[in-house]
Amino acid sequence: MSDSVNRFLGDSLVRTIVKLIVVSVIVGFVMHMFDIYPTDILESIRRFFFDIWHKGFSALGRVGDYLLLGASIVIPIFIILRLIDLRK
């Protein structure tokens, strides 16, 4: 069983724990220096998805506006071209 654990971790259990502790201290120090906390990261991710959600639907609203605006020109021209084509 210890061989499968070592294979999963990539090294012995003790060395892996020591590496994780060292990296955690370094990352924690850097995050503290930049005044970044895990709750800030989670809040930023949540805000990111909410912004995409809201801007996405507002973009769909603009597409609808563009569709109606374009259709007000395209549909009458299409009908006129069809009527002209029927005369031939």
PDB file of N, CA and C in Angstrom:
ATOM      1  N   MET A   1       0.833  -1.198   0.000  1.00  0.00           N
ATOM      2  CA  MET A   1       0.000   0.000   0.000  1.00  0.00           C
ATOM      3  C   MET A   1       0.875   1.258   0.000  1.00  0.00           C
ATOM      4  N   SER A   2       1.968   1.264   0.707  1.00  0.00           N
ATOM      5  CA  SER A   2       2.819   2.447   0.762  1.00  0.00           C
ATOM      6  C   SER A   2       3.426   2.736  -0.606  1.00  0.00           C
ATOM      7  N   ASP A   3       3.645   1.682  -1.412  1.00  0.00           N
ATOM      8  CA  ASP A   3       4.170   1.898  -2.757  1.00  0.00           C
ATOM      9  C   ASP A   3       3.157   2.640  -3.625  1.00  0.00           C
ATOM     10  N   SER A   4       1.885   2.297  -3.494  1.00  0.00           N
ATOM     11  CA  SER A   4       0.853   3.000  -4.276  1.00  0.00           C
ATOM     12  C   SER A   4       0.685   4.441  -3.792  1.00  0.00           C
ATOM     13  N   VAL A   5       0.817   4.663  -2.502  1.00  0.00           N
ATOM     14  CA  VAL A   5       0.744   6.029  -1.955  1.00  0.00           C
ATOM     15  C   VAL A   5       1.924   6.848  -2.454  1.00  0.00           C
ATOM     16  N   ASN A   6       3.121   6.267  -2.435  1.00  0.00           N
ATOM     17  CA  ASN A   6       4.313   6.971  -2.923  1.00  0.00           C
ATOM     18  C   ASN A   6       4.167   7.282  -4.411  1.00  0.00           C
ATOM     19  N   ARG A   7       3.616   6.346  -5.167  1.00  0.00           N
ATOM     20  CA  ARG A   7       3.418   6.581  -6.594  1.00  0.00           C
ATOM     21  C   ARG A   7       2.413   7.711  -6.811  1.00  0.00           C
ATOM     22  N   PHE A   8       1.357   7.738  -6.010  1.00  0.00           N
ATOM     23  CA  PHE A   8       0.343   8.791  -6.134  1.00  0.00           C
ATOM     24  C   PHE A   8       0.921  10.159  -5.768  1.00  0.00           C
ATOM     25  N   LEU A   9       1.684  10.219  -4.697  1.00  0.00           N
ATOM     26  CA  LEU A   9       2.239  11.495  -4.221  1.00  0.00           C
ATOM     27  C   LEU A   9       3.462  11.928  -5.014  1.00  0.00           C
ATOM     28  N   GLY A  10       4.151  10.991  -5.668  1.00  0.00           N
ATOM     29  CA  GLY A  10       5.337  11.326  -6.432  1.00  0.00           C
ATOM     30  C   GLY A  10       6.603  11.271  -5.610  1.00  0.00           C
ATOM     31  N   ASP A  11       6.492  11.047  -4.330  1.00  0.00           N
ATOM     32  CA  ASP A  11       7.638  10.964  -3.426  1.00  0.00           C
ATOM     33  C   ASP A  11       7.147  10.285  -2.157  1.00  0.00           C
ATOM     34  N   SER A  12       8.015  10.187  -1.172  1.00  0.00           N
ATOM     35  CA  SER A  12       7.574   9.589   0.088  1.00  0.00           C
ATOM     36  C   SER A  12       6.585  10.534   0.777  1.00  0.00           C
ATOM     37  N   LEU A  13       5.825   9.979   1.695  1.00  0.00           N
ATOM     38  CA  LEU A  13       4.782  10.750   2.389  1.00  0.00           C
ATOM     39  C   LEU A  13       5.387  11.919   3.167  1.00  0.00           C
ATOM     40  N   VAL A  14       6.471  11.669   3.892  1.00  0.00           N
ATOM     41  CA  VAL A  14       7.077  12.714   4.719  1.00  0.00           C
ATOM     42  C   VAL A  14       7.650  13.829   3.844  1.00  0.00           C
ATOM     43  N   ARG A  15       8.375  13.463   2.778  1.00  0.00           N
ATOM     44  CA  ARG A  15       8.938  14.488   1.892  1.00  0.00           C
ATOM     45  C   ARG A  15       7.837  15.307   1.228  1.00  0.00           C
ATOM     46  N   THR A  16       6.742  14.665   0.843  1.00  0.00           N
ATOM     47  CA  THR A  16       5.627  15.384   0.222  1.00  0.00           C
ATOM     48  C   THR A  16       4.999  16.359   1.213  1.00  0.00           C
ATOM     49  N   ILE A  17       4.822  15.935   2.443  1.00  0.00           N
ATOM     50  CA  ILE A  17       4.247  16.827   3.464  1.00  0.00           C
ATOM     51  C   ILE A  17       5.158  18.025   3.705  1.00  0.00           C
ATOM     52  N   VAL A  18       6.483  17.789   3.779  1.00  0.00           N
ATOM     53  CA  VAL A  18       7.435  18.885   3.986  1.00  0.00           C
ATOM     54  C   VAL A  18       7.385  19.859   2.807  1.00  0.00           C
ATOM     55  N   LYS A  19       7.344  19.335   1.592  1.00  0.00           N
ATOM     56  CA  LYS A  19       7.262  20.201   0.408  1.00  0.00           C
ATOM     57  C   LYS A  19       5.988  21.037   0.431  1.00  0.00           C
ATOM     58  N   LEU A  20       4.873  20.395   0.775  1.00  0.00           N
ATOM     59  CA  LEU A  20       3.602  21.132   0.826  1.00  0.00           C
ATOM     60  C   LEU A  20       3.624  22.219   1.892  1.00  0.00           C
ATOM     61  N   ILE A  21       4.250  21.945   3.028  1.00  0.00           N
ATOM     62  CA  ILE A  21       4.339  22.952   4.090  1.00  0.00           C
ATOM     63  C   ILE A  21       5.183  24.135   3.628  1.00  0.00           C
ATOM     64  N   VAL A  22       6.326  23.856   3.007  1.00  0.00           N
ATOM     65  CA  VAL A  22       7.208  24.937   2.547  1.00  0.00           C
ATOM     66  C   VAL A  22       6.511  25.789   1.487  1.00  0.00           C
ATOM     67  N   VAL A  23       5.894  25.139   0.510  1.00  0.00           N
ATOM     68  CA  VAL A  23       5.201  25.892  -0.547  1.00  0.00           C
ATOM     69  C   VAL A  23       4.036  26.673   0.040  1.00  0.00           C
ATOM     70  N   SER A  24       3.318  26.092   1.000  1.00  0.00           N
ATOM     71  CA  SER A  24       2.189  26.792   1.624  1.00  0.00           C
ATOM     72  C   SER A  24       2.650  28.045   2.366  1.00  0.00           C
ATOM     73  N   VAL A  25       3.782  27.958   3.053  1.00  0.00           N
ATOM     74  CA  VAL A  25       4.305  29.132   3.767  1.00  0.00           C
ATOM     75  C   VAL A  25       4.701  30.220   2.772  1.00  0.00           C
ATOM     76  N   ILE A  26       5.361  29.832   1.673  1.00  0.00           N
ATOM     77  CA  ILE A  26       5.784  30.824   0.679  1.00  0.00           C
ATOM     78  C   ILE A  26       4.575  31.483   0.029  1.00  0.00           C
ATOM     79  N   VAL A  27       3.596  30.677  -0.373  1.00  0.00           N
ATOM     80  CA  VAL A  27       2.397  31.237  -1.006  1.00  0.00           C
ATOM     81  C   VAL A  27       1.628  32.107  -0.019  1.00  0.00           C
ATOM     82  N   GLY A  28       1.535  31.673   1.232  1.00  0.00           N
ATOM     83  CA  GLY A  28       0.857  32.468   2.253  1.00  0.00           C
ATOM     84  C   GLY A  28       1.542  33.806   2.479  1.00  0.00           C
ATOM     85  N   PHE A  29       2.876  33.808   2.482  1.00  0.00           N
ATOM     86  CA  PHE A  29       3.629  35.056   2.653  1.00  0.00           C
ATOM     87  C   PHE A  29       3.375  36.006   1.488  1.00  0.00           C
ATOM     88  N   VAL A  30       3.434  35.475   0.258  1.00  0.00           N
ATOM     89  CA  VAL A  30       3.207  36.319  -0.923  1.00  0.00           C
ATOM     90  C   VAL A  30       1.779  36.865  -0.917  1.00  0.00           C
ATOM     91  N   MET A  31       0.808  36.016  -0.580  1.00  0.00           N
ATOM     92  CA  MET A  31      -0.582  36.485  -0.534  1.00  0.00           C
ATOM     93  C   MET A  31      -0.757  37.567   0.532  1.00  0.00           C
ATOM     94  N   HIS A  32      -0.075  37.410   1.665  1.00  0.00           N
ATOM     95  CA  HIS A  32      -0.171  38.420   2.717  1.00  0.00           C
ATOM     96  C   HIS A  32       0.474  39.735   2.270  1.00  0.00           C
ATOM     97  N   MET A  33       1.578  39.642   1.551  1.00  0.00           N
ATOM     98  CA  MET A  33       2.250  40.847   1.063  1.00  0.00           C
ATOM     99  C   MET A  33       1.359  41.636   0.098  1.00  0.00           C
ATOM    100  N   PHE A  34       0.598  40.926  -0.722  1.00  0.00           N
ATOM    101  CA  PHE A  34      -0.293  41.582  -1.674  1.00  0.00           C
ATOM    102  C   PHE A  34      -1.700  41.786  -1.114  1.00  0.00           C
ATOM    103  N   ASP A  35      -1.879  41.464   0.161  1.00  0.00           N
ATOM    104  CA  ASP A  35      -3.162  41.632   0.850  1.00  0.00           C
ATOM    105  C   ASP A  35      -4.281  40.883   0.121  1.00  0.00           C
ATOM    106  N   ILE A  36      -4.007  39.633  -0.224  1.00  0.00           N
ATOM    107  CA  ILE A  36      -4.980  38.771  -0.890  1.00  0.00           C
ATOM    108  C   ILE A  36      -5.361  37.667   0.081  1.00  0.00           C
ATOM    109  N   TYR A  37      -6.653  37.442   0.226  1.00  0.00           N
ATOM    110  CA  TYR A  37      -7.141  36.404   1.119  1.00  0.00           C
ATOM    111  C   TYR A  37      -8.062  35.468   0.339  1.00  0.00           C
ATOM    112  N   PRO A  38      -8.181  34.224   0.779  1.00  0.00           N
ATOM    113  CA  PRO A  38      -9.012  33.259   0.030  1.00  0.00           C
ATOM    114  C   PRO A  38     -10.446  33.735  -0.176  1.00  0.00           C
ATOM    115  N   THR A  39     -11.002  34.435   0.780  1.00  0.00           N
ATOM    116  CA  THR A  39     -12.372  34.929   0.599  1.00  0.00           C
ATOM    117  C   THR A  39     -12.434  35.963  -0.523  1.00  0.00           C
ATOM    118  N   ASP A  40     -11.372  36.766  -0.667  1.00  0.00           N
ATOM    119  CA  ASP A  40     -11.318  37.734  -1.764  1.00  0.00           C
ATOM    120  C   ASP A  40     -11.284  37.022  -3.104  1.00  0.00           C
ATOM    121  N   ILE A  41     -10.515  35.940  -3.183  1.00  0.00           N
ATOM    122  CA  ILE A  41     -10.415  35.183  -4.428  1.00  0.00           C
ATOM    123  C   ILE A  41     -11.768  34.568  -4.779  1.00  0.00           C
ATOM    124  N   LEU A  42     -12.414  33.960  -3.794  1.00  0.00           N
ATOM    125  CA  LEU A  42     -13.716  33.346  -4.047  1.00  0.00           C
ATOM    126  C   LEU A  42     -14.754  34.398  -4.437  1.00  0.00           C
ATOM    127  N   GLU A  43     -14.715  35.544  -3.784  1.00  0.00           N
ATOM    128  CA  GLU A  43     -15.647  36.628  -4.114  1.00  0.00           C
ATOM    129  C   GLU A  43     -15.383  37.152  -5.522  1.00  0.00           C
ATOM    130  N   SER A  44     -14.122  37.256  -5.913  1.00  0.00           N
ATOM    131  CA  SER A  44     -13.793  37.712  -7.265  1.00  0.00           C
ATOM    132  C   SER A  44     -14.283  36.728  -8.313  1.00  0.00           C
ATOM    133  N   ILE A  45     -14.132  35.449  -8.042  1.00  0.00           N
ATOM    134  CA  ILE A  45     -14.622  34.426  -8.978  1.00  0.00           C
ATOM    135  C   ILE A  45     -16.142  34.508  -9.088  1.00  0.00           C
ATOM    136  N   ARG A  46     -16.827  34.660  -7.951  1.00  0.00           N
ATOM    137  CA  ARG A  46     -18.289  34.765  -7.961  1.00  0.00           C
ATOM    138  C   ARG A  46     -18.733  36.001  -8.741  1.00  0.00           C
ATOM    139  N   ARG A  47     -18.075  37.139  -8.485  1.00  0.00           N
ATOM    140  CA  ARG A  47     -18.407  38.366  -9.206  1.00  0.00           C
ATOM    141  C   ARG A  47     -18.151  38.231 -10.703  1.00  0.00           C
ATOM    142  N   PHE A  48     -17.062  37.545 -11.073  1.00  0.00           N
ATOM    143  CA  PHE A  48     -16.725  37.320 -12.470  1.00  0.00           C
ATOM    144  C   PHE A  48     -17.863  36.591 -13.184  1.00  0.00           C
ATOM    145  N   PHE A  49     -18.367  35.522 -12.577  1.00  0.00           N
ATOM    146  CA  PHE A  49     -19.432  34.759 -13.219  1.00  0.00           C
ATOM    147  C   PHE A  49     -20.751  35.532 -13.246  1.00  0.00           C
ATOM    148  N   PHE A  50     -21.034  36.305 -12.191  1.00  0.00           N
ATOM    149  CA  PHE A  50     -22.246  37.131 -12.208  1.00  0.00           C
ATOM    150  C   PHE A  50     -22.160  38.206 -13.283  1.00  0.00           C
ATOM    151  N   ASP A  51     -20.985  38.812 -13.445  1.00  0.00           N
ATOM    152  CA  ASP A  51     -20.812  39.823 -14.500  1.00  0.00           C
ATOM    153  C   ASP A  51     -20.999  39.209 -15.881  1.00  0.00           C
ATOM    154  N   ILE A  52     -20.436  38.035 -16.096  1.00  0.00           N
ATOM    155  CA  ILE A  52     -20.635  37.355 -17.379  1.00  0.00           C
ATOM    156  C   ILE A  52     -22.111  37.073 -17.592  1.00  0.00           C
ATOM    157  N   TRP A  53     -22.792  36.611 -16.549  1.00  0.00           N
ATOM    158  CA  TRP A  53     -24.211  36.286 -16.643  1.00  0.00           C
ATOM    159  C   TRP A  53     -25.029  37.527 -17.027  1.00  0.00           C
ATOM    160  N   HIS A  54     -24.798  38.628 -16.321  1.00  0.00           N
ATOM    161  CA  HIS A  54     -25.583  39.837 -16.578  1.00  0.00           C
ATOM    162  C   HIS A  54     -25.217  40.488 -17.907  1.00  0.00           C
ATOM    163  N   LYS A  55     -23.949  40.555 -18.220  1.00  0.00           N
ATOM    164  CA  LYS A  55     -23.544  41.157 -19.484  1.00  0.00           C
ATOM    165  C   LYS A  55     -23.952  40.286 -20.656  1.00  0.00           C
ATOM    166  N   GLY A  56     -23.980  38.993 -20.443  1.00  0.00           N
ATOM    167  CA  GLY A  56     -24.410  38.094 -21.507  1.00  0.00           C
ATOM    168  C   GLY A  56     -25.855  38.340 -21.890  1.00  0.00           C
ATOM    169  N   PHE A  57     -26.732  38.498 -20.899  1.00  0.00           N
ATOM    170  CA  PHE A  57     -28.127  38.747 -21.210  1.00  0.00           C
ATOM    171  C   PHE A  57     -28.349  40.147 -21.762  1.00  0.00           C
ATOM    172  N   SER A  58     -27.555  41.094 -21.323  1.00  0.00           N
ATOM    173  CA  SER A  58     -27.692  42.431 -21.905  1.00  0.00           C
ATOM    174  C   SER A  58     -27.192  42.421 -23.344  1.00  0.00           C
ATOM    175  N   ALA A  59     -26.194  41.583 -23.636  1.00  0.00           N
ATOM    176  CA  ALA A  59     -25.726  41.451 -25.019  1.00  0.00           C
ATOM    177  C   ALA A  59     -26.818  40.825 -25.886  1.00  0.00           C
ATOM    178  N   LEU A  60     -27.542  39.857 -25.332  1.00  0.00           N
ATOM    179  CA  LEU A  60     -28.650  39.267 -26.084  1.00  0.00           C
ATOM    180  C   LEU A  60     -29.737  40.304 -26.353  1.00  0.00           C
ATOM    181  N   GLY A  61     -29.956  41.190 -25.397  1.00  0.00           N
ATOM    182  CA  GLY A  61     -30.921  42.268 -25.606  1.00  0.00           C
ATOM    183  C   GLY A  61     -30.489  43.192 -26.727  1.00  0.00           C
ATOM    184  N   ARG A  62     -29.191  43.485 -26.790  1.00  0.00           N
ATOM    185  CA  ARG A  62     -28.672  44.322 -27.875  1.00  0.00           C
ATOM    186  C   ARG A  62     -28.794  43.613 -29.212  1.00  0.00           C
ATOM    187  N   VAL A  63     -28.575  42.300 -29.231  1.00  0.00           N
ATOM    188  CA  VAL A  63     -28.733  41.547 -30.477  1.00  0.00           C
ATOM    189  C   VAL A  63     -30.174  41.646 -30.958  1.00  0.00           C
ATOM    190  N   GLY A  64     -31.118  41.579 -30.035  1.00  0.00           N
ATOM    191  CA  GLY A  64     -32.525  41.738 -30.409  1.00  0.00           C
ATOM    192  C   GLY A  64     -32.793  43.118 -30.992  1.00  0.00           C
ATOM    193  N   ASP A  65     -32.188  44.139 -30.397  1.00  0.00           N
ATOM    194  CA  ASP A  65     -32.339  45.496 -30.926  1.00  0.00           C
ATOM    195  C   ASP A  65     -31.759  45.598 -32.332  1.00  0.00           C
ATOM    196  N   TYR A  66     -30.569  45.005 -32.527  1.00  0.00           N
ATOM    197  CA  TYR A  66     -29.936  45.030 -33.844  1.00  0.00           C
ATOM    198  C   TYR A  66     -30.784  44.269 -34.859  1.00  0.00           C
ATOM    199  N   LEU A  67     -31.388  43.166 -34.419  1.00  0.00           N
ATOM    200  CA  LEU A  67     -32.239  42.376 -35.312  1.00  0.00           C
ATOM    201  C   LEU A  67     -33.439  43.194 -35.778  1.00  0.00           C
ATOM    202  N   LEU A  68     -34.108  43.852 -34.860  1.00  0.00           N
ATOM    203  CA  LEU A  68     -35.266  44.656 -35.232  1.00  0.00           C
ATOM    204  C   LEU A  68     -34.878  45.842 -36.103  1.00  0.00           C
ATOM    205  N   LEU A  69     -33.767  46.474 -35.785  1.00  0.00           N
ATOM    206  CA  LEU A  69     -33.309  47.611 -36.565  1.00  0.00           C
ATOM    207  C   LEU A  69     -32.966  47.189 -37.988  1.00  0.00           C
ATOM    208  N   GLY A  70     -32.228  46.096 -38.123  1.00  0.00           N
ATOM    209  CA  GLY A  70     -31.871  45.601 -39.450  1.00  0.00           C
ATOM    210  C   GLY A  70     -33.074  45.100 -40.219  1.00  0.00           C
ATOM    211  N   ALA A  71     -33.993  44.431 -39.515  1.00  0.00           N
ATOM    212  CA  ALA A  71     -35.181  43.892 -40.179  1.00  0.00           C
ATOM    213  C   ALA A  71     -36.067  45.010 -40.714  1.00  0.00           C
ATOM    214  N   SER A  72     -36.043  46.167 -40.069  1.00  0.00           N
ATOM    215  CA  SER A  72     -36.870  47.280 -40.555  1.00  0.00           C
ATOM    216  C   SER A  72     -36.401  47.761 -41.928  1.00  0.00           C
ATOM    217  N   ILE A  73     -35.178  47.456 -42.309  1.00  0.00           N
ATOM    218  CA  ILE A  73     -34.658  47.815 -43.628  1.00  0.00           C
ATOM    219  C   ILE A  73     -34.675  46.603 -44.565  1.00  0.00           C
ATOM    220  N   VAL A  74     -34.247  45.452 -44.059  1.00  0.00           N
ATOM    221  CA  VAL A  74     -34.071  44.273 -44.905  1.00  0.00           C
ATOM    222  C   VAL A  74     -35.405  43.709 -45.388  1.00  0.00           C
ATOM    223  N   ILE A  75     -36.384  43.608 -44.525  1.00  0.00           N
ATOM    224  CA  ILE A  75     -37.671  42.994 -44.902  1.00  0.00           C
ATOM    225  C   ILE A  75     -38.364  43.797 -45.999  1.00  0.00           C
ATOM    226  N   PRO A  76     -38.504  45.112 -45.886  1.00  0.00           N
ATOM    227  CA  PRO A  76     -39.131  45.846 -46.996  1.00  0.00           C
ATOM    228  C   PRO A  76     -38.351  45.727 -48.311  1.00  0.00           C
ATOM    229  N   ILE A  77     -37.026  45.751 -48.249  1.00  0.00           N
ATOM    230  CA  ILE A  77     -36.237  45.589 -49.478  1.00  0.00           C
ATOM    231  C   ILE A  77     -36.459  44.199 -50.057  1.00  0.00           C
ATOM    232  N   PHE A  78     -36.511  43.188 -49.209  1.00  0.00           N
ATOM    233  CA  PHE A  78     -36.757  41.822 -49.668  1.00  0.00           C
ATOM    234  C   PHE A  78     -38.119  41.724 -50.360  1.00  0.00           C
ATOM    235  N   ILE A  79     -39.123  42.317 -49.748  1.00  0.00           N
ATOM    236  CA  ILE A  79     -40.472  42.272 -50.347  1.00  0.00           C
ATOM    237  C   ILE A  79     -40.482  43.004 -51.687  1.00  0.00           C
ATOM    238  N   ILE A  80     -39.855  44.168 -51.752  1.00  0.00           N
ATOM    239  CA  ILE A  80     -39.798  44.931 -53.010  1.00  0.00           C
ATOM    240  C   ILE A  80     -39.066  44.128 -54.087  1.00  0.00           C
ATOM    241  N   LEU A  81     -37.943  43.506 -53.731  1.00  0.00           N
ATOM    242  CA  LEU A  81     -37.204  42.693 -54.723  1.00  0.00           C
ATOM    243  C   LEU A  81     -38.027  41.503 -55.189  1.00  0.00           C
ATOM    244  N   ARG A  82     -38.775  40.888 -54.306  1.00  0.00           N
ATOM    245  CA  ARG A  82     -39.639  39.765 -54.675  1.00  0.00           C
ATOM    246  C   ARG A  82     -40.762  40.229 -55.615  1.00  0.00           C
ATOM    247  N   LEU A  83     -41.340  41.377 -55.309  1.00  0.00           N
ATOM    248  CA  LEU A  83     -42.404  41.886 -56.175  1.00  0.00           C
ATOM    249  C   LEU A  83     -41.861  42.230 -57.558  1.00  0.00           C
ATOM    250  N   ILE A  84     -40.659  42.803 -57.621  1.00  0.00           N
ATOM    251  CA  ILE A  84     -40.038  43.108 -58.907  1.00  0.00           C
ATOM    252  C   ILE A  84     -39.728  41.816 -59.646  1.00  0.00           C
ATOM    253  N   ASP A  85     -39.271  40.789 -58.939  1.00  0.00           N
ATOM    254  CA  ASP A  85     -38.940  39.510 -59.565  1.00  0.00           C
ATOM    255  C   ASP A  85     -40.194  38.805 -60.077  1.00  0.00           C
ATOM    256  N   LEU A  86     -41.335  39.003 -59.438  1.00  0.00           N
ATOM    257  CA  LEU A  86     -42.583  38.386 -59.892  1.00  0.00           C
ATOM    258  C   LEU A  86     -43.051  38.964 -61.236  1.00  0.00           C
ATOM    259  N   ARG A  87     -42.743  40.198 -61.496  1.00  0.00           N
ATOM    260  CA  ARG A  87     -43.173  40.849 -62.741  1.00  0.00           C
ATOM    261  C   ARG A  87     -42.436  40.299 -63.942  1.00  0.00           C
ATOM    262  N   LYS A  88     -41.262  39.749 -63.739  1.00  0.00           N
ATOM    263  CA  LYS A  88     -40.468  39.243 -64.866  1.00  0.00           C
ATOM    264  C   LYS A  88     -40.964  37.943 -65.379  1.00  0.00           C
TER     265      LYS A  88
END
